[in-house]
Amino acid sequence: MLDTLILAGQVVVPKSSGEALRGKEMNELSIIDNGAVGIKDGVIEFIGTAEEAAQLQAKETIEAEGKLLSPGLVDPHTHLVFGGSREHELALKQQGVPYLEILAQGGGIHSTVKATRETAEDDLYEKGMFHLNRCLTYGVTTMEAKSGYGLDKETELKQLRVAKQLNETHPIDLVSTFLGAHAIPENYKGRPDAFLEEMLSLLSLISKEGLAEFVDIFCETGVFTVEQSKVFLQKAKTAGFGVKIHADEIDPLGGTEMACEIGAVSADHLVGASKEGVRMLGESDTIAVLLPGTTFYLGKDHFAPARDMISSGAAVALSTDFNPGSSPTENLQFIMTLAALKLKMTPEEIWNSVTVNAAYAIGRGDVAGSLEIGRRADLVLWDVPNYKYIPYHYGVNHVNKVWKNGKLVVGKGDIHANYTLSS
């Protein structure tokens, strides 16, 4: 007997073949009309039509005709753990002040670094819990969390330890990334190589304590060069970490090409990716993680060339880039709308980019981002009639219910009354 049987108007079943979907595959999305999903002992026991499910017995049957059922969303690029906020910078953005200029004036990331250093670990935990709760209510069941607001040994480790604790106590599965090389701190101005060596010295401890699976670096004008980033990431790979890169976000430096050359799991942002970089993405296993919310919030007109990437045969994923400075939103549903309007992606491509491909971008393609018999039941029930509706109707939360490992954690769009998330 099933524990729960969910009958829905449509069921989204992203294809899962052991790797991310690429090129034309991204436009393929299996939809079961009048579908059903059965849960037993926290895993998916049945996927099919409501007619096929008619003979099944379940302790609980949820009749959700007219609603959409999908896998839990996956957010593969966030800066979850940080102190403070940066609402005071909005006026500067409205005046057209470039981010690199704000950074040069001691604002931007430097403001968040100061706040994060000064915030106690327990307070960072409670703040992270608040944001995770919100992500969960928006339908996210798996996500990445980067460090990078410490820029010193003590605070970077503090961020990673908070993320590890959150992963152990919150329903959302967190995948941690060490982004110590996020900027050059004031005390290392003019000595970026020395700072990178200090960050590399943390890898042994990070590995020993299981604090991160991936290492990332911000490759950009005024931060770290392509060559510095390459050396840094290769050393991280040698130490046993998967590698990622913030590449070509503002200037086309060639970070996309380098990411493909060294076999990075993902290259993120890529607004300024060159034609050669786009071509190489189509021929590599590196996943392009696009962050249109950041481009939107910074008031830019030029978005990442998603259509060219997909045409080249690349695998594309989408993410919020949730952070306090350039994308302060936990709403992955809004990112789906931006992907439709600004990246010109189809509904099918968008769904694959926030489920199966996003999961592969953080090393979770075998457990998250799809519906398969035997997989854990991470599911979202949406108050929408079909899968095309969410990118269309923007600015609201369409979630009705969320199940994590078969347990109801969000009901009617709110944290479920019988499930305690925060301490």
Protein backbone atom coordinates (compact mmCIF):
# COMPACT_ATOMS: atom_id res chain seq x y z
CA MET A 1 0.00 0.00 0.00
CA LEU A 2 1.21 3.47 -0.89
CA ASP A 3 1.62 6.13 1.77
CA THR A 4 0.45 8.90 -0.56
CA LEU A 5 -1.09 8.96 -4.03
CA ILE A 6 -1.22 12.33 -5.81
CA LEU A 7 -3.60 12.75 -8.75
CA ALA A 8 -2.79 15.85 -10.83
CA GLY A 9 -3.96 17.49 -14.04
CA GLN A 10 -0.40 17.36 -15.39
CA VAL A 11 2.82 15.72 -14.20
CA VAL A 12 6.19 17.05 -15.40
CA VAL A 13 8.72 14.25 -15.90
CA PRO A 14 12.12 15.63 -16.99
CA LYS A 15 14.25 13.14 -18.90
CA SER A 16 17.10 11.67 -16.88
CA SER A 17 19.66 9.65 -18.82
CA GLY A 18 22.71 9.85 -16.58
CA GLU A 19 23.90 13.26 -17.77
CA ALA A 20 22.67 16.79 -18.32
CA LEU A 21 20.42 17.49 -21.29
CA ARG A 22 22.18 19.25 -24.14
CA GLY A 23 21.14 21.31 -27.14
CA LYS A 24 17.93 20.06 -28.76
CA GLU A 25 17.40 17.59 -25.89
CA MET A 26 16.62 20.56 -23.66
CA ASN A 27 13.40 21.14 -25.60
CA GLU A 28 12.15 17.63 -24.79
CA LEU A 29 9.92 17.34 -21.72
CA SER A 30 7.66 14.42 -20.90
CA ILE A 31 4.21 15.47 -19.69
CA ILE A 32 1.59 13.09 -18.31
CA ASP A 33 -1.91 14.53 -18.57
CA ASN A 34 -4.24 13.36 -15.80
CA GLY A 35 -1.16 11.87 -14.16
CA ALA A 36 -0.44 10.27 -10.83
CA VAL A 37 2.57 9.79 -8.56
CA GLY A 38 2.66 7.35 -5.66
CA ILE A 39 4.94 7.63 -2.62
CA LYS A 40 5.99 4.85 -0.25
CA ASP A 41 8.60 5.09 2.51
CA GLY A 42 9.80 8.45 1.22
CA VAL A 43 10.51 7.36 -2.35
CA ILE A 44 8.56 7.33 -5.60
CA GLU A 45 6.77 4.01 -6.05
CA PHE A 46 4.52 4.80 -9.02
CA ILE A 47 4.43 7.21 -11.99
CA GLY A 48 1.68 6.99 -14.56
CA THR A 49 -1.84 8.06 -15.46
CA ALA A 50 -4.68 8.40 -13.01
CA GLU A 51 -6.42 5.61 -14.89
CA GLU A 52 -3.43 3.30 -14.33
CA ALA A 53 -3.39 4.28 -10.67
CA ALA A 54 -7.09 3.46 -10.16
CA GLN A 55 -6.33 0.00 -8.77
CA LEU A 56 -3.67 1.22 -6.31
CA GLN A 57 -4.37 1.55 -2.62
CA ALA A 58 -3.00 4.41 -0.55
CA LYS A 59 -3.29 5.61 3.01
CA GLU A 60 -3.80 9.13 1.64
CA THR A 61 -5.04 10.21 -1.78
CA ILE A 62 -4.65 13.84 -2.83
CA GLU A 63 -7.02 14.78 -5.61
CA ALA A 64 -5.40 17.71 -7.40
CA GLU A 65 -7.10 17.69 -10.77
CA GLY A 66 -6.40 20.95 -12.55
CA LYS A 67 -3.04 21.37 -10.80
CA LEU A 68 0.53 20.68 -11.90
CA LEU A 69 2.93 18.24 -10.19
CA SER A 70 6.68 18.42 -10.78
CA PRO A 71 10.02 17.46 -9.24
CA GLY A 72 11.32 19.81 -6.58
CA LEU A 73 13.22 22.70 -8.14
CA VAL A 74 17.01 22.86 -7.92
CA ASP A 75 18.85 26.17 -7.46
CA PRO A 76 22.51 25.59 -8.45
CA HIS A 77 24.13 28.96 -7.63
CA THR A 78 23.44 30.88 -4.41
CA HIS A 79 25.37 32.86 -1.83
CA LEU A 80 23.14 31.77 1.03
CA VAL A 81 25.18 32.54 4.14
CA PHE A 82 25.95 36.22 4.67
CA GLY A 83 25.58 39.02 7.17
CA GLY A 84 23.71 42.28 6.69
CA SER A 85 22.06 43.60 3.53
CA ARG A 86 22.81 46.22 0.87
CA GLU A 87 19.58 48.07 0.16
CA HIS A 88 21.52 51.37 0.33
CA GLU A 89 23.24 50.48 -2.95
CA LEU A 90 19.99 50.45 -4.92
CA ALA A 91 20.10 54.23 -5.41
CA LEU A 92 23.62 53.94 -6.85
CA LYS A 93 22.42 51.28 -9.28
CA GLN A 94 19.53 53.55 -10.29
CA GLN A 95 22.07 56.27 -11.08
CA GLY A 96 23.88 53.84 -13.35
CA VAL A 97 26.99 53.42 -11.22
CA PRO A 98 28.70 50.21 -12.44
CA TYR A 99 29.23 47.44 -9.93
CA LEU A 100 32.99 47.49 -10.39
CA GLU A 101 32.97 51.19 -9.44
CA ILE A 102 30.88 50.49 -6.34
CA LEU A 103 33.39 47.78 -5.50
CA ALA A 104 36.32 50.16 -5.97
CA GLN A 105 34.69 52.61 -3.54
CA GLY A 106 34.64 49.97 -0.80
CA GLY A 107 31.01 49.03 -1.32
CA GLY A 108 29.63 45.94 -2.96
CA ILE A 109 31.10 42.75 -1.66
CA HIS A 110 33.36 44.61 0.81
CA SER A 111 30.27 45.81 2.70
CA THR A 112 28.94 42.26 2.98
CA VAL A 113 32.36 40.92 3.98
CA LYS A 114 32.48 43.38 6.88
CA ALA A 115 28.96 42.43 8.01
CA THR A 116 29.63 38.70 7.70
CA ARG A 117 32.85 38.91 9.70
CA GLU A 118 31.01 40.78 12.45
CA THR A 119 27.99 38.43 12.58
CA ALA A 120 28.10 35.57 15.08
CA GLU A 121 27.84 32.03 13.75
CA ASP A 122 24.50 31.43 15.49
CA ASP A 123 23.07 34.57 13.92
CA LEU A 124 24.29 33.55 10.47
CA TYR A 125 22.58 30.21 11.01
CA GLU A 126 19.25 31.83 11.92
CA LYS A 127 19.47 34.19 8.95
CA GLY A 128 20.30 31.29 6.63
CA MET A 129 17.36 29.34 8.04
CA PHE A 130 15.04 32.26 7.28
CA HIS A 131 16.15 32.38 3.65
CA LEU A 132 16.00 28.59 3.27
CA ASN A 133 12.43 28.54 4.57
CA ARG A 134 11.49 31.05 1.90
CA CYS A 135 13.27 29.05 -0.81
CA LEU A 136 11.35 25.96 0.28
CA THR A 137 8.00 27.73 0.01
CA TYR A 138 8.94 28.70 -3.56
CA GLY A 139 9.41 25.04 -4.48
CA VAL A 140 13.19 24.57 -4.12
CA THR A 141 14.21 21.25 -2.54
CA THR A 142 17.92 21.15 -3.46
CA MET A 143 20.35 24.05 -3.78
CA GLU A 144 23.96 25.15 -3.69
CA ALA A 145 25.43 27.47 -1.04
CA LYS A 146 28.72 29.31 -1.58
CA SER A 147 31.02 30.92 0.95
CA GLY A 148 32.96 33.98 -0.22
CA TYR A 149 31.95 36.72 2.19
CA GLY A 150 34.82 36.14 4.57
CA LEU A 151 37.95 36.59 2.47
CA ASP A 152 39.88 35.36 5.47
CA LYS A 153 40.38 31.92 6.93
CA GLU A 154 38.19 32.32 10.01
CA THR A 155 35.11 33.75 8.30
CA GLU A 156 35.24 31.48 5.24
CA LEU A 157 35.27 28.46 7.54
CA LYS A 158 32.48 30.02 9.60
CA GLN A 159 30.28 30.34 6.51
CA LEU A 160 30.98 26.77 5.42
CA ARG A 161 30.24 25.40 8.88
CA VAL A 162 26.95 27.29 8.99
CA ALA A 163 26.01 25.84 5.60
CA LYS A 164 26.88 22.35 6.82
CA GLN A 165 24.71 22.81 9.91
CA LEU A 166 21.84 24.11 7.79
CA ASN A 167 22.11 21.08 5.53
CA GLU A 168 21.86 18.83 8.57
CA THR A 169 18.81 20.58 10.03
CA HIS A 170 16.76 21.92 7.10
CA PRO A 171 14.72 19.87 4.61
CA ILE A 172 16.45 21.47 1.62
CA ASP A 173 19.56 19.55 0.60
CA LEU A 174 22.50 21.96 0.47
CA VAL A 175 25.61 21.45 -1.64
CA SER A 176 28.49 23.62 -0.40
CA THR A 177 31.02 25.44 -2.54
CA PHE A 178 34.15 27.19 -1.23
CA LEU A 179 34.36 30.63 -2.88
CA GLY A 180 37.18 32.10 -0.83
CA ALA A 181 38.52 33.64 -4.05
CA HIS A 182 35.50 35.92 -4.41
CA ALA A 183 37.39 39.23 -4.24
CA ILE A 184 40.76 40.61 -3.16
CA PRO A 185 40.61 41.85 0.46
CA GLU A 186 42.10 45.21 1.37
CA ASN A 187 45.05 43.69 3.22
CA TYR A 188 46.05 41.80 0.07
CA LYS A 189 45.63 44.67 -2.38
CA GLY A 190 48.29 44.32 -5.07
CA ARG A 191 49.10 40.78 -3.89
CA PRO A 192 46.36 38.59 -5.39
CA ASP A 193 48.61 35.54 -5.81
CA ALA A 194 49.49 35.59 -2.11
CA PHE A 195 45.80 35.74 -1.23
CA LEU A 196 45.01 32.81 -3.51
CA GLU A 197 47.71 30.77 -1.79
CA GLU A 198 46.14 31.56 1.58
CA MET A 199 42.76 30.36 0.32
CA LEU A 200 44.34 27.21 -1.09
CA SER A 201 45.85 26.51 2.33
CA LEU A 202 42.31 25.94 3.63
CA LEU A 203 41.52 23.08 1.27
CA SER A 204 42.98 20.36 3.46
CA LEU A 205 40.85 21.37 6.46
CA ILE A 206 37.76 21.90 4.30
CA SER A 207 38.18 18.41 2.91
CA LYS A 208 38.84 16.85 6.31
CA GLU A 209 35.71 18.39 7.86
CA GLY A 210 33.54 17.76 4.78
CA LEU A 211 32.72 21.46 4.47
CA ALA A 212 32.56 21.74 0.67
CA GLU A 213 32.41 19.63 -2.48
CA PHE A 214 33.28 22.35 -4.96
CA VAL A 215 35.71 25.25 -5.26
CA ASP A 216 34.82 28.42 -7.16
CA ILE A 217 36.62 31.64 -8.16
CA PHE A 218 35.51 35.04 -9.46
CA CYS A 219 37.35 35.52 -12.75
CA GLU A 220 36.74 39.13 -13.76
CA THR A 221 38.38 42.48 -14.45
CA GLY A 222 39.81 43.88 -11.24
CA VAL A 223 39.54 40.55 -9.45
CA PHE A 224 41.32 37.40 -10.72
CA THR A 225 42.71 36.84 -14.20
CA VAL A 226 42.04 33.81 -16.36
CA GLU A 227 45.53 32.48 -15.71
CA GLN A 228 45.29 32.99 -11.94
CA SER A 229 41.90 31.31 -11.96
CA LYS A 230 43.18 28.38 -13.99
CA VAL A 231 46.09 27.71 -11.65
CA PHE A 232 43.84 28.06 -8.60
CA LEU A 233 41.17 25.69 -9.91
CA GLN A 234 43.66 23.11 -11.11
CA LYS A 235 45.16 22.98 -7.63
CA ALA A 236 41.66 22.56 -6.20
CA LYS A 237 41.00 19.68 -8.61
CA THR A 238 44.26 18.05 -7.56
CA ALA A 239 43.05 18.34 -3.95
CA GLY A 240 39.93 16.33 -4.88
CA PHE A 241 37.33 19.06 -5.35
CA GLY A 242 34.98 19.66 -8.24
CA VAL A 243 35.50 23.13 -9.69
CA LYS A 244 33.24 25.95 -10.81
CA ILE A 245 33.90 29.46 -12.03
CA HIS A 246 32.23 32.87 -12.09
CA ALA A 247 33.19 33.63 -15.69
CA ASP A 248 32.72 36.45 -18.20
CA GLU A 249 30.02 38.13 -16.14
CA ILE A 250 31.02 41.67 -17.08
CA ASP A 251 33.97 41.49 -19.48
CA PRO A 252 34.73 38.72 -22.02
CA LEU A 253 38.04 37.61 -20.57
CA GLY A 254 37.98 33.99 -21.74
CA GLY A 255 36.87 32.35 -18.51
CA THR A 256 34.29 30.31 -20.42
CA GLU A 257 36.96 28.78 -22.64
CA MET A 258 39.21 28.05 -19.68
CA ALA A 259 36.37 26.37 -17.78
CA CYS A 260 35.79 24.02 -20.69
CA GLU A 261 39.52 23.31 -21.03
CA ILE A 262 39.98 22.23 -17.42
CA GLY A 263 36.69 20.34 -17.15
CA ALA A 264 34.85 22.61 -14.74
CA VAL A 265 31.50 21.19 -13.62
CA SER A 266 29.91 24.53 -14.41
CA ALA A 267 30.71 27.98 -15.72
CA ASP A 268 28.36 30.59 -14.29
CA HIS A 269 27.05 34.01 -15.45
CA LEU A 270 28.60 34.02 -18.99
CA VAL A 271 26.89 37.24 -20.07
CA GLY A 272 30.02 38.22 -21.96
CA ALA A 273 30.93 34.77 -23.25
CA SER A 274 32.65 34.90 -26.63
CA LYS A 275 31.54 33.00 -29.71
CA GLU A 276 34.48 30.67 -29.16
CA GLY A 277 33.44 30.14 -25.56
CA VAL A 278 29.89 29.31 -26.65
CA ARG A 279 31.24 26.87 -29.23
CA MET A 280 33.43 25.17 -26.64
CA LEU A 281 30.49 24.84 -24.22
CA GLY A 282 28.68 22.89 -26.92
CA GLU A 283 31.57 20.44 -27.15
CA SER A 284 32.33 20.05 -23.44
CA ASP A 285 30.69 18.59 -20.36
CA THR A 286 30.76 21.96 -18.58
CA ILE A 287 27.24 23.18 -17.77
CA ALA A 288 26.38 26.83 -18.40
CA VAL A 289 24.61 28.16 -15.30
CA LEU A 290 22.82 31.36 -16.32
CA LEU A 291 21.69 34.01 -13.84
CA PRO A 292 19.30 36.42 -15.56
CA GLY A 293 18.12 37.81 -12.22
CA THR A 294 21.53 39.40 -11.73
CA THR A 295 21.53 41.02 -15.15
CA PHE A 296 17.98 42.25 -14.53
CA TYR A 297 18.74 43.68 -11.08
CA LEU A 298 21.90 45.45 -12.26
CA GLY A 299 19.85 47.18 -14.95
CA LYS A 300 21.74 45.67 -17.87
CA ASP A 301 20.26 45.26 -21.33
CA HIS A 302 22.54 42.48 -22.53
CA PHE A 303 21.73 39.00 -21.19
CA ALA A 304 23.65 35.75 -21.52
CA PRO A 305 23.34 34.25 -25.06
CA ALA A 306 21.23 31.26 -24.04
CA ARG A 307 19.89 30.62 -27.53
CA ASP A 308 23.37 30.51 -29.03
CA MET A 309 24.49 28.16 -26.25
CA ILE A 310 21.61 25.77 -26.78
CA SER A 311 22.11 25.88 -30.56
CA SER A 312 25.77 24.99 -30.02
CA GLY A 313 24.73 21.86 -28.12
CA ALA A 314 25.51 23.15 -24.62
CA ALA A 315 23.79 22.12 -21.41
CA VAL A 316 22.13 25.12 -19.71
CA ALA A 317 20.88 25.51 -16.15
CA LEU A 318 19.18 28.46 -14.43
CA SER A 319 19.64 29.88 -10.94
CA THR A 320 18.67 32.83 -8.77
CA ASP A 321 22.25 33.78 -7.81
CA PHE A 322 20.61 34.71 -4.49
CA ASN A 323 22.95 37.22 -2.82
CA PRO A 324 22.64 40.53 -0.98
CA GLY A 325 24.13 42.77 -3.66
CA SER A 326 23.31 41.85 -7.25
CA SER A 327 20.37 39.44 -6.99
CA PRO A 328 18.51 39.64 -3.67
CA THR A 329 15.76 37.13 -4.47
CA GLU A 330 14.95 33.58 -3.43
CA ASN A 331 12.27 33.31 -6.13
CA LEU A 332 13.37 30.80 -8.77
CA GLN A 333 9.91 31.07 -10.34
CA PHE A 334 10.67 34.68 -11.29
CA ILE A 335 13.93 33.53 -12.87
CA MET A 336 11.87 31.18 -15.03
CA THR A 337 9.95 34.20 -16.33
CA LEU A 338 13.16 36.12 -17.04
CA ALA A 339 14.48 33.10 -18.92
CA ALA A 340 11.42 33.22 -21.17
CA LEU A 341 11.42 36.98 -21.73
CA LYS A 342 15.14 37.82 -21.75
CA LEU A 343 16.91 34.58 -22.63
CA LYS A 344 14.23 33.55 -25.16
CA MET A 345 14.08 30.02 -23.78
CA THR A 346 11.09 27.75 -24.36
CA PRO A 347 8.97 26.49 -21.44
CA GLU A 348 10.44 23.02 -21.95
CA GLU A 349 14.01 24.33 -21.85
CA ILE A 350 13.24 26.37 -18.77
CA TRP A 351 11.82 23.42 -16.83
CA ASN A 352 14.81 21.25 -17.72
CA SER A 353 17.11 24.08 -16.62
CA VAL A 354 15.65 24.32 -13.11
CA THR A 355 15.36 20.57 -12.57
CA VAL A 356 17.57 17.95 -14.21
CA ASN A 357 20.32 20.24 -15.56
CA ALA A 358 20.47 22.28 -12.38
CA ALA A 359 20.91 19.06 -10.43
CA TYR A 360 23.83 17.94 -12.61
CA ALA A 361 25.42 21.38 -12.20
CA ILE A 362 25.89 20.65 -8.49
CA GLY A 363 26.61 16.94 -8.69
CA ARG A 364 23.12 15.78 -7.74
CA GLY A 365 21.81 14.53 -11.08
CA ASP A 366 21.44 11.02 -9.71
CA VAL A 367 19.13 12.01 -6.84
CA ALA A 368 17.41 15.30 -7.68
CA GLY A 369 15.76 17.12 -10.55
CA SER A 370 13.66 14.31 -12.00
CA LEU A 371 10.90 11.84 -11.22
CA GLU A 372 11.89 8.18 -11.30
CA ILE A 373 10.63 5.11 -9.51
CA GLY A 374 12.98 4.44 -6.62
CA ARG A 375 14.13 8.03 -6.25
CA ARG A 376 13.34 10.07 -3.17
CA ALA A 377 10.03 11.86 -3.43
CA ASP A 378 10.93 15.54 -3.76
CA LEU A 379 7.76 16.95 -5.30
CA VAL A 380 5.96 20.24 -5.81
CA LEU A 381 2.24 20.66 -6.41
CA TRP A 382 1.47 23.93 -8.18
CA ASP A 383 -1.72 25.98 -8.33
CA VAL A 384 -1.45 26.21 -12.11
CA PRO A 385 -3.21 24.28 -14.90
CA ASN A 386 -0.10 23.35 -16.93
CA TYR A 387 3.68 23.64 -17.06
CA LYS A 388 3.65 26.66 -19.40
CA TYR A 389 1.76 28.77 -16.88
CA ILE A 390 4.55 29.51 -14.37
CA PRO A 391 6.86 31.47 -16.73
CA TYR A 392 3.75 33.30 -17.98
CA HIS A 393 2.25 34.48 -14.68
CA TYR A 394 5.05 36.24 -12.86
CA GLY A 395 5.64 37.91 -9.51
CA VAL A 396 3.59 35.54 -7.36
CA ASN A 397 4.21 32.20 -5.66
CA HIS A 398 2.36 29.37 -7.40
CA VAL A 399 3.29 26.65 -4.88
CA ASN A 400 0.48 24.71 -3.25
CA LYS A 401 2.41 21.89 -1.53
CA VAL A 402 5.98 20.63 -1.28
CA TRP A 403 7.11 17.13 -0.29
CA LYS A 404 10.70 16.42 0.72
CA ASN A 405 11.68 12.76 0.92
CA GLY A 406 7.96 11.98 0.82
CA LYS A 407 7.13 14.19 3.80
CA LEU A 408 4.86 17.19 3.42
CA VAL A 409 6.91 20.28 4.33
CA VAL A 410 4.90 23.06 2.68
CA GLY A 411 1.11 23.16 2.61
CA LYS A 412 -0.93 25.75 0.73
CA GLY A 413 2.20 27.77 0.02
CA ASP A 414 3.26 28.04 3.67
CA ILE A 415 5.56 26.06 5.94
CA HIS A 416 3.49 23.09 7.04
CA ALA A 417 2.04 23.50 10.53
CA ASN A 418 3.16 20.05 11.63
CA TYR A 419 6.75 20.48 10.46
CA THR A 420 9.21 22.51 12.53
CA LEU A 421 11.98 23.95 10.39
CA SER A 422 13.82 26.43 12.56
CA SER A 423 15.05 26.17 16.11
